Protein backbone atom coordinates (compact mmCIF):
# COMPACT_ATOMS: atom_id res chain seq x y z
CA MET A 1 -5.97 7.04 6.24
CA ALA A 2 -8.71 10.00 7.26
CA LEU A 3 -7.17 11.75 4.31
CA ASP A 4 -7.75 8.92 1.87
CA GLU A 5 -11.43 8.52 3.11
CA LYS A 6 -11.91 12.85 2.61
CA LEU A 7 -10.76 13.21 -0.62
CA MET A 8 -12.94 10.07 -1.42
CA ASP A 9 -15.36 12.29 -0.11
CA TRP A 10 -14.70 15.21 -1.77
CA HIS A 11 -13.83 13.64 -4.99
CA ARG A 12 -17.74 12.16 -4.56
CA LYS A 13 -19.41 15.49 -4.31
CA GLY A 14 -17.68 16.80 -7.21
CA LEU A 15 -15.66 18.89 -5.11
CA ILE A 16 -12.24 17.98 -6.39
CA GLU A 17 -10.84 16.01 -9.26
CA PRO A 18 -9.59 12.60 -9.26
CA VAL A 19 -6.66 12.54 -6.91
CA VAL A 20 -2.51 10.88 -6.85
CA ARG A 21 -1.27 11.53 -3.73
CA PHE A 22 2.28 10.48 -2.17
CA TYR A 23 2.84 10.51 1.72
CA GLU A 24 5.29 9.35 4.48
CA TRP A 25 4.58 8.15 7.66
CA GLU A 26 5.61 9.64 11.33
CA PRO A 27 6.15 7.51 13.22
CA ALA A 28 6.60 3.74 11.40
CA THR A 29 3.52 2.57 11.32
CA LEU A 30 1.64 -0.81 11.08
CA SER A 31 -1.20 -0.78 8.84
CA LEU A 32 -3.34 -3.73 9.39
CA GLY A 33 -5.91 -4.88 5.89
CA TYR A 34 -9.86 -3.90 6.94
CA PHE A 35 -10.64 -7.85 7.98
CA GLN A 36 -7.68 -8.51 9.53
CA ARG A 37 -7.69 -9.83 13.10
CA ILE A 38 -5.63 -7.92 15.75
CA ASP A 39 -5.67 -11.21 18.59
CA LYS A 40 -4.79 -13.98 15.57
CA ASP A 41 -1.66 -11.63 13.83
CA ILE A 42 -0.28 -9.07 15.43
CA ASP A 43 2.34 -9.00 18.31
CA LEU A 44 1.28 -6.40 19.74
CA SER A 45 4.31 -5.97 22.33
CA GLY A 46 6.59 -5.71 19.66
CA VAL A 47 4.64 -2.60 18.07
CA GLU A 48 4.85 -1.18 20.94
CA ARG A 49 8.84 -2.07 21.75
CA HIS A 50 9.44 -0.09 18.37
CA GLY A 51 7.70 2.37 18.74
CA ALA A 52 4.85 1.80 16.07
CA GLY A 53 1.81 3.16 15.15
CA LEU A 54 -0.85 0.84 14.27
CA VAL A 55 -3.91 1.51 11.95
CA ARG A 56 -6.83 -0.07 10.71
CA ARG A 57 -6.88 0.69 6.53
CA PRO A 58 -10.15 0.91 5.00
CA THR A 59 -8.78 -1.52 1.97
CA GLY A 60 -8.46 -4.76 2.21
CA GLY A 61 -4.91 -7.23 2.65
CA ARG A 62 -2.70 -8.29 4.94
CA ALA A 63 -0.60 -5.84 7.48
CA VAL A 64 2.08 -3.65 6.29
CA LEU A 65 4.61 -1.82 7.84
CA HIS A 66 4.98 1.99 6.91
CA ASP A 67 8.85 3.01 7.28
CA ASP A 68 11.46 3.80 4.99
CA GLU A 69 8.88 4.02 2.12
CA LEU A 70 6.43 6.32 -0.05
CA THR A 71 3.18 5.60 0.08
CA TYR A 72 0.45 6.55 -2.75
CA SER A 73 -3.23 6.74 -3.02
CA VAL A 74 -5.37 6.79 -6.36
CA ILE A 75 -8.81 8.59 -5.84
CA VAL A 76 -11.11 8.19 -9.05
CA LYS A 77 -14.85 7.59 -10.02
CA GLU A 78 -15.65 4.04 -10.72
CA SER A 79 -17.58 5.56 -13.91
CA HIS A 80 -14.41 7.54 -14.98
CA GLU A 81 -14.47 6.61 -18.83
CA GLN A 82 -10.07 4.89 -18.58
CA MET A 83 -11.33 2.97 -15.39
CA PRO A 84 -12.07 -0.66 -16.37
CA ALA A 85 -15.64 -2.76 -14.53
CA THR A 86 -13.60 -5.43 -12.89
CA VAL A 87 -11.61 -4.77 -9.71
CA THR A 88 -8.77 -6.78 -11.35
CA GLU A 89 -8.68 -4.37 -14.76
CA ALA A 90 -8.99 -1.82 -12.35
CA TYR A 91 -6.15 -2.20 -10.42
CA ARG A 92 -4.26 -2.90 -13.64
CA VAL A 93 -4.68 0.41 -15.50
CA ILE A 94 -3.61 2.18 -12.07
CA SER A 95 -0.75 0.03 -11.88
CA GLN A 96 0.72 0.67 -14.96
CA GLY A 97 1.35 4.08 -13.65
CA LEU A 98 3.97 2.45 -11.42
CA LEU A 99 4.95 0.16 -13.71
CA GLU A 100 6.18 3.49 -15.73
CA GLY A 101 7.62 4.94 -12.10
CA PHE A 102 9.51 1.84 -11.64
CA ARG A 103 10.89 1.74 -15.28
CA SER A 104 11.76 5.18 -15.48
CA LEU A 105 13.93 4.84 -12.47
CA GLU A 106 15.95 1.97 -14.79
CA LEU A 107 14.06 -1.11 -13.24
CA ASN A 108 13.67 -4.09 -14.97
CA ALA A 109 10.27 -4.22 -13.64
CA ASP A 110 6.97 -6.17 -14.36
CA PHE A 111 3.27 -7.00 -13.57
CA SER A 112 3.03 -9.95 -11.52
CA ILE A 113 0.44 -12.58 -12.71
CA PRO A 114 -0.25 -15.60 -10.84
CA ARG A 115 -0.26 -18.52 -13.91
CA THR A 116 -0.39 -21.65 -12.10
CA ASP A 117 -2.86 -23.29 -9.92
CA LEU A 118 -0.15 -23.20 -6.91
CA GLU A 119 0.11 -19.41 -7.35
CA LYS A 120 -3.44 -18.82 -7.50
CA ALA A 121 -3.79 -20.99 -4.38
CA GLU A 122 -1.02 -18.64 -2.62
CA LEU A 123 -3.02 -15.85 -3.15
CA ARG A 124 -6.34 -17.27 -1.63
CA ASN A 125 -4.41 -19.07 1.18
CA PRO A 126 -1.48 -16.62 1.97
CA ARG A 127 1.25 -18.44 3.80
CA SER A 128 1.48 -15.35 6.50
CA ALA A 129 -0.31 -12.25 8.03
CA VAL A 130 2.77 -10.12 6.17
CA CYS A 131 1.62 -8.00 2.87
CA PHE A 132 4.80 -8.65 0.76
CA ASP A 133 5.17 -11.97 1.70
CA ALA A 134 3.70 -12.87 -2.03
CA PRO A 135 2.68 -11.25 -5.17
CA SER A 136 -0.76 -10.48 -6.05
CA TRP A 137 -2.45 -9.67 -9.46
CA TYR A 138 -0.78 -7.07 -11.23
CA GLU A 139 1.73 -5.55 -8.63
CA MET A 140 5.27 -5.11 -9.30
CA VAL A 141 8.14 -7.47 -9.18
CA VAL A 142 11.67 -7.60 -10.41
CA ASN A 143 13.04 -11.02 -11.23
CA GLY A 144 10.11 -12.35 -9.65
CA LYS A 145 10.44 -10.68 -6.26
CA LYS A 146 7.71 -7.86 -5.31
CA ILE A 147 8.84 -4.04 -5.17
CA ALA A 148 5.36 -2.90 -4.19
CA GLY A 149 2.56 -3.84 -2.41
CA SER A 150 -1.48 -2.10 -2.88
CA ALA A 151 -4.35 -2.44 -1.86
CA GLN A 152 -8.05 -1.08 -3.34
CA THR A 153 -11.80 -0.84 -2.09
CA ARG A 154 -14.47 0.62 -3.78
CA GLN A 155 -16.95 2.65 -1.23
CA LYS A 156 -20.22 4.72 -3.33
CA GLY A 157 -18.70 4.63 -6.60
CA ILE A 158 -15.24 5.69 -5.56
CA ILE A 159 -12.41 3.42 -6.16
CA LEU A 160 -9.22 3.88 -4.03
CA GLN A 161 -6.10 2.34 -4.66
CA HIS A 162 -3.11 2.55 -2.07
CA GLY A 163 -0.13 1.11 -1.56
CA SER A 164 3.56 1.11 -0.30
CA LEU A 165 7.18 1.83 -2.53
CA ILE A 166 9.67 0.55 0.00
CA ARG A 167 12.88 1.86 0.15
CA THR A 168 14.63 -0.47 3.00
CA ILE A 169 13.23 -3.38 4.61
CA ASP A 170 14.43 -3.70 8.71
CA GLU A 171 12.74 -7.68 8.44
CA ASN A 172 13.54 -8.76 12.23
CA LYS A 173 11.29 -5.01 12.91
CA LEU A 174 8.74 -6.16 10.53
CA PHE A 175 8.47 -9.81 11.49
CA ASP A 176 8.96 -9.09 15.57
CA MET A 177 5.36 -7.40 14.84
CA PHE A 178 3.57 -10.80 14.15
CA LYS A 179 2.38 -13.78 15.47
CA PHE A 180 4.64 -17.40 14.93
CA PRO A 181 3.37 -20.79 16.67
CA ASN A 182 7.18 -20.71 17.14
CA GLU A 183 10.70 -19.07 16.69
CA ARG A 184 11.25 -21.69 13.83
CA LEU A 185 8.72 -21.02 11.66
CA ARG A 186 9.22 -17.56 12.47
CA ASN A 187 12.88 -17.92 11.46
CA ARG A 188 11.64 -19.85 8.34
CA MET A 189 8.88 -17.41 7.04
CA GLN A 190 11.66 -14.61 7.73
CA LYS A 191 14.25 -16.75 5.99
CA GLY A 192 11.33 -17.22 2.80
CA PHE A 193 10.32 -13.69 2.91
CA LYS A 194 13.83 -12.34 1.25
CA GLU A 195 13.22 -14.64 -1.36
CA LYS A 196 9.34 -12.89 -2.08
CA ALA A 197 10.46 -9.55 -1.88
CA VAL A 198 13.34 -6.64 -2.65
CA PRO A 199 13.48 -3.25 -1.37
CA LEU A 200 14.95 -0.45 -4.10
CA ALA A 201 18.19 -0.23 -1.88
CA ASP A 202 18.82 -3.94 -3.24
CA LEU A 203 18.00 -3.39 -7.41
CA MET A 204 19.86 0.25 -7.27
CA GLU A 205 23.61 1.26 -7.05
CA GLU A 206 22.32 4.80 -5.16
CA LEU A 207 19.01 4.79 -3.43
CA VAL A 208 17.95 7.47 -4.74
CA THR A 209 15.56 9.86 -2.30
CA VAL A 210 11.78 10.05 -1.50
CA GLU A 211 11.53 13.66 -3.52
CA THR A 212 13.44 11.90 -6.79
CA MET A 213 10.62 8.89 -6.67
CA LYS A 214 7.54 11.35 -6.25
CA ASN A 215 8.77 12.95 -9.31
CA HIS A 216 9.05 9.38 -11.07
CA PHE A 217 6.19 8.08 -9.93
CA LYS A 218 4.36 11.30 -10.87
CA ALA A 219 6.06 11.28 -14.33
CA GLY A 220 4.94 7.67 -14.61
CA PHE A 221 1.25 8.03 -13.62
CA GLU A 222 0.89 10.90 -15.81
CA LYS A 223 2.29 9.14 -19.02
CA ALA A 224 0.13 5.80 -18.03
CA LEU A 225 -2.92 7.79 -17.57
CA GLN A 226 -2.37 10.29 -20.25
CA ILE A 227 -3.43 13.09 -17.72
CA TYR A 228 -1.47 16.09 -16.12
CA LEU A 229 -1.10 16.59 -12.48
CA GLN A 230 -1.29 19.97 -10.83
CA PRO A 231 -0.75 20.03 -6.86
CA TYR A 232 -3.30 20.41 -4.88
CA GLN A 233 -3.63 22.26 -0.76
CA LEU A 234 -5.84 21.37 1.56
CA SER A 235 -7.85 24.78 2.57
CA SER A 236 -7.99 25.12 6.43
CA ILE A 237 -11.19 24.09 6.46
CA GLN A 238 -11.12 20.36 4.47
CA LEU A 239 -7.79 19.55 7.21
CA LYS A 240 -9.94 19.98 9.94
CA GLU A 241 -12.38 17.94 8.29
CA VAL A 242 -9.80 15.26 8.34
CA GLU A 243 -8.65 16.20 12.08
CA GLU A 244 -12.13 15.27 13.03
CA LEU A 245 -12.69 12.42 11.02
CA ALA A 246 -8.61 10.33 12.52
CA ALA A 247 -9.91 11.56 15.80
CA SER A 248 -13.55 10.48 15.60
CA LYS A 249 -12.94 7.03 13.40
CA TYR A 250 -9.16 5.75 13.01
CA ASP A 251 -7.69 7.22 16.15
CA THR A 252 -10.25 5.21 17.96
CA LYS A 253 -9.93 1.05 19.92
CA GLU A 254 -13.53 0.96 18.38
CA TRP A 255 -12.35 0.84 14.57
CA THR A 256 -8.45 -0.41 14.93
CA TYR A 257 -9.73 -3.28 17.41
CA LYS A 258 -12.66 -4.16 15.39
CA TYR A 259 -11.94 -7.52 14.41
């Protein structure tokens, strides 16, 4: 999270070009949406029992368990000629790269577009605190099931959109980390979750490696945004800045438990 924020800072200052970043998590980590209430939603004993990390994102939305996945980030100025003014349309443009990536993996992916009043109401009042419980505008779905979750923030003229591209899901592990009034409701929500979300492993005869996913989604962003991506290596000074921000902000209880 600290690196995503520093990439925004450096891009804002004109020190780096727009960024598409791919990364993974060690250990598995539950990331909270910026405004999410820990005491209301999260079972900290479950997080601890599974040896998972806990961090609060700078973006909104609901909690995500980052485990067996490829995570992506896109950092770009709001004023970029390809970026629409509205959040929803910018989401669509950036997510086009994901769409091309999934399709290059021979998956029949498409955008989710809530159409009915019921679907729109579910977005305003989600059934649970679990991110993959329902797709939002322009997120990726296959056969109506969510296969990627994304979130976006805009800070001082810079857009950050990041999200999870799920390879496999341990549903028991995931639901152990959330609070439910009773076991019956948890079981019902967990059963419903299987009908709402699907990992790549359930869609492919042979699950591709993370490295293969990176290559496909890199090509997907290049095709969708008509760009050419070049590798970027952090300097030792930049890496130190990231480590200092992680220690002073994202690794503190003041930040993580702020809501």
